[in-house]
N, C-alpha and C. Protein backbone atom coordinates (compact mmCIF):
# COMPACT_ATOMS: atom_id res chain seq x y z
N MET A 1 0.82 -1.17 0.00
CA MET A 1 0.00 0.00 0.00
C MET A 1 0.87 1.25 0.00
N ARG A 2 1.94 1.24 0.76
CA ARG A 2 2.83 2.41 0.82
C ARG A 2 3.37 2.75 -0.56
N GLN A 3 3.80 1.74 -1.31
CA GLN A 3 4.36 2.02 -2.63
C GLN A 3 3.29 2.58 -3.57
N LEU A 4 2.10 2.05 -3.51
CA LEU A 4 1.01 2.58 -4.33
C LEU A 4 0.71 4.03 -3.95
N ARG A 5 0.69 4.32 -2.66
CA ARG A 5 0.43 5.69 -2.20
C ARG A 5 1.52 6.63 -2.71
N LYS A 6 2.76 6.20 -2.62
CA LYS A 6 3.87 7.05 -3.07
C LYS A 6 3.79 7.32 -4.57
N VAL A 7 3.34 6.34 -5.34
CA VAL A 7 3.18 6.53 -6.78
C VAL A 7 2.17 7.64 -7.07
N THR A 8 1.16 7.77 -6.21
CA THR A 8 0.16 8.82 -6.40
C THR A 8 0.70 10.19 -6.02
N GLY A 9 1.85 10.22 -5.33
CA GLY A 9 2.44 11.48 -4.93
C GLY A 9 1.85 12.06 -3.65
N LEU A 10 1.06 11.26 -2.94
CA LEU A 10 0.43 11.75 -1.71
C LEU A 10 1.27 11.38 -0.49
N SER A 11 1.36 12.32 0.43
CA SER A 11 1.97 12.00 1.72
C SER A 11 1.02 11.09 2.48
N GLN A 12 1.53 10.48 3.50
CA GLN A 12 0.69 9.61 4.33
C GLN A 12 -0.46 10.43 4.93
N GLU A 13 -0.15 11.63 5.38
CA GLU A 13 -1.18 12.47 5.99
C GLU A 13 -2.24 12.89 4.97
N ALA A 14 -1.81 13.29 3.78
CA ALA A 14 -2.76 13.70 2.73
C ALA A 14 -3.64 12.53 2.31
N PHE A 15 -3.04 11.34 2.20
CA PHE A 15 -3.81 10.17 1.81
C PHE A 15 -4.80 9.78 2.89
N ALA A 16 -4.37 9.83 4.14
CA ALA A 16 -5.26 9.53 5.26
C ALA A 16 -6.45 10.48 5.26
N ASP A 17 -6.19 11.76 5.03
CA ASP A 17 -7.27 12.76 4.96
C ASP A 17 -8.22 12.44 3.81
N LYS A 18 -7.66 12.08 2.67
CA LYS A 18 -8.47 11.75 1.50
C LYS A 18 -9.41 10.58 1.79
N CYS A 19 -8.92 9.62 2.57
CA CYS A 19 -9.70 8.43 2.88
C CYS A 19 -10.60 8.62 4.11
N GLY A 20 -10.36 9.68 4.85
CA GLY A 20 -11.15 9.92 6.05
C GLY A 20 -10.65 9.17 7.28
N PHE A 21 -9.37 8.82 7.27
CA PHE A 21 -8.76 8.10 8.39
C PHE A 21 -7.75 9.01 9.09
N ALA A 22 -7.42 8.68 10.32
CA ALA A 22 -6.35 9.37 11.04
C ALA A 22 -5.01 8.93 10.45
N ARG A 23 -4.05 9.82 10.42
CA ARG A 23 -2.72 9.49 9.90
C ARG A 23 -2.11 8.36 10.69
N SER A 24 -2.33 8.35 12.00
CA SER A 24 -1.75 7.29 12.84
C SER A 24 -2.31 5.92 12.46
N TYR A 25 -3.59 5.86 12.12
CA TYR A 25 -4.20 4.60 11.69
C TYR A 25 -3.59 4.17 10.36
N MET A 26 -3.46 5.11 9.43
CA MET A 26 -2.88 4.78 8.12
C MET A 26 -1.45 4.27 8.29
N SER A 27 -0.71 4.87 9.20
CA SER A 27 0.65 4.43 9.46
C SER A 27 0.66 2.99 9.96
N ARG A 28 -0.24 2.67 10.88
CA ARG A 28 -0.30 1.31 11.41
C ARG A 28 -0.69 0.31 10.32
N VAL A 29 -1.60 0.70 9.45
CA VAL A 29 -2.01 -0.19 8.35
C VAL A 29 -0.82 -0.44 7.43
N GLU A 30 -0.10 0.61 7.07
CA GLU A 30 1.05 0.46 6.17
C GLU A 30 2.14 -0.41 6.77
N ARG A 31 2.32 -0.35 8.08
CA ARG A 31 3.36 -1.14 8.74
C ARG A 31 2.90 -2.53 9.13
N GLY A 32 1.61 -2.83 8.92
CA GLY A 32 1.08 -4.13 9.28
C GLY A 32 0.68 -4.22 10.74
N GLY A 33 0.59 -3.07 11.42
CA GLY A 33 0.23 -3.05 12.83
C GLY A 33 -1.25 -2.94 13.08
N ALA A 34 -2.04 -2.80 12.03
CA ALA A 34 -3.49 -2.74 12.16
C ALA A 34 -4.10 -3.58 11.05
N ASN A 35 -5.20 -4.19 11.36
CA ASN A 35 -5.92 -5.00 10.38
C ASN A 35 -7.15 -4.21 9.94
N PRO A 36 -7.10 -3.63 8.75
CA PRO A 36 -8.26 -2.84 8.30
C PRO A 36 -9.47 -3.72 8.01
N SER A 37 -10.63 -3.16 8.24
CA SER A 37 -11.87 -3.87 7.92
C SER A 37 -12.02 -3.95 6.40
N LEU A 38 -12.96 -4.75 5.94
CA LEU A 38 -13.22 -4.83 4.50
C LEU A 38 -13.65 -3.48 3.95
N ASP A 39 -14.43 -2.74 4.72
CA ASP A 39 -14.84 -1.40 4.29
C ASP A 39 -13.63 -0.49 4.14
N ALA A 40 -12.71 -0.54 5.11
CA ALA A 40 -11.51 0.29 5.05
C ALA A 40 -10.64 -0.09 3.86
N ILE A 41 -10.54 -1.38 3.57
CA ILE A 41 -9.75 -1.83 2.42
C ILE A 41 -10.35 -1.27 1.14
N GLN A 42 -11.66 -1.27 1.02
CA GLN A 42 -12.31 -0.72 -0.17
C GLN A 42 -12.06 0.79 -0.27
N ILE A 43 -12.13 1.50 0.83
CA ILE A 43 -11.88 2.94 0.84
C ILE A 43 -10.45 3.24 0.42
N ILE A 44 -9.50 2.46 0.92
CA ILE A 44 -8.09 2.64 0.56
C ILE A 44 -7.88 2.38 -0.92
N ALA A 45 -8.44 1.30 -1.43
CA ALA A 45 -8.30 0.99 -2.86
C ALA A 45 -8.92 2.10 -3.71
N ASP A 46 -10.09 2.57 -3.32
CA ASP A 46 -10.73 3.67 -4.06
C ASP A 46 -9.85 4.92 -4.02
N GLY A 47 -9.28 5.20 -2.86
CA GLY A 47 -8.41 6.38 -2.73
C GLY A 47 -7.17 6.29 -3.60
N LEU A 48 -6.71 5.07 -3.82
CA LEU A 48 -5.53 4.86 -4.67
C LEU A 48 -5.92 4.71 -6.14
N GLY A 49 -7.21 4.52 -6.39
CA GLY A 49 -7.66 4.35 -7.77
C GLY A 49 -7.29 3.00 -8.36
N VAL A 50 -7.26 1.98 -7.49
CA VAL A 50 -6.89 0.63 -7.94
C VAL A 50 -7.93 -0.37 -7.46
N PRO A 51 -8.02 -1.53 -8.12
CA PRO A 51 -8.89 -2.59 -7.60
C PRO A 51 -8.34 -3.12 -6.27
N VAL A 52 -9.21 -3.61 -5.44
CA VAL A 52 -8.81 -4.14 -4.12
C VAL A 52 -7.70 -5.17 -4.26
N VAL A 53 -7.76 -6.01 -5.25
CA VAL A 53 -6.76 -7.07 -5.42
C VAL A 53 -5.34 -6.51 -5.49
N CYS A 54 -5.17 -5.31 -5.99
CA CYS A 54 -3.84 -4.70 -6.08
C CYS A 54 -3.20 -4.50 -4.71
N LEU A 55 -4.02 -4.37 -3.68
CA LEU A 55 -3.48 -4.18 -2.34
C LEU A 55 -2.87 -5.46 -1.78
N PHE A 56 -3.14 -6.58 -2.42
CA PHE A 56 -2.67 -7.86 -1.94
C PHE A 56 -1.60 -8.48 -2.83
N GLU A 57 -1.17 -7.75 -3.86
CA GLU A 57 -0.12 -8.24 -4.75
C GLU A 57 1.25 -7.88 -4.20
N GLN A 58 2.24 -8.59 -4.66
CA GLN A 58 3.61 -8.31 -4.23
C GLN A 58 4.04 -6.95 -4.77
N PRO A 59 4.79 -6.17 -3.99
CA PRO A 59 5.21 -4.83 -4.42
C PRO A 59 5.94 -4.79 -5.76
N GLU A 60 6.72 -5.80 -6.09
CA GLU A 60 7.45 -5.77 -7.35
C GLU A 60 6.53 -5.84 -8.56
N ALA A 61 5.26 -6.12 -8.33
CA ALA A 61 4.30 -6.14 -9.43
C ALA A 61 3.93 -4.74 -9.91
N PHE A 62 4.33 -3.72 -9.17
CA PHE A 62 4.00 -2.35 -9.54
C PHE A 62 5.08 -1.83 -10.40
């Protein structure tokens, strides 16, 4: 998710705002310290403009 976010040119804070999440929550999700709900996963994928499946692919696929 971090690599996809960086490709969009958004900071973690800007992306969290775009998705309606706290920056601290987004940080935990990116580091694997939080397990996002299915709704949150959909919001993140929409914010990145990618299908949900892209969030589960290996980073080298980007």
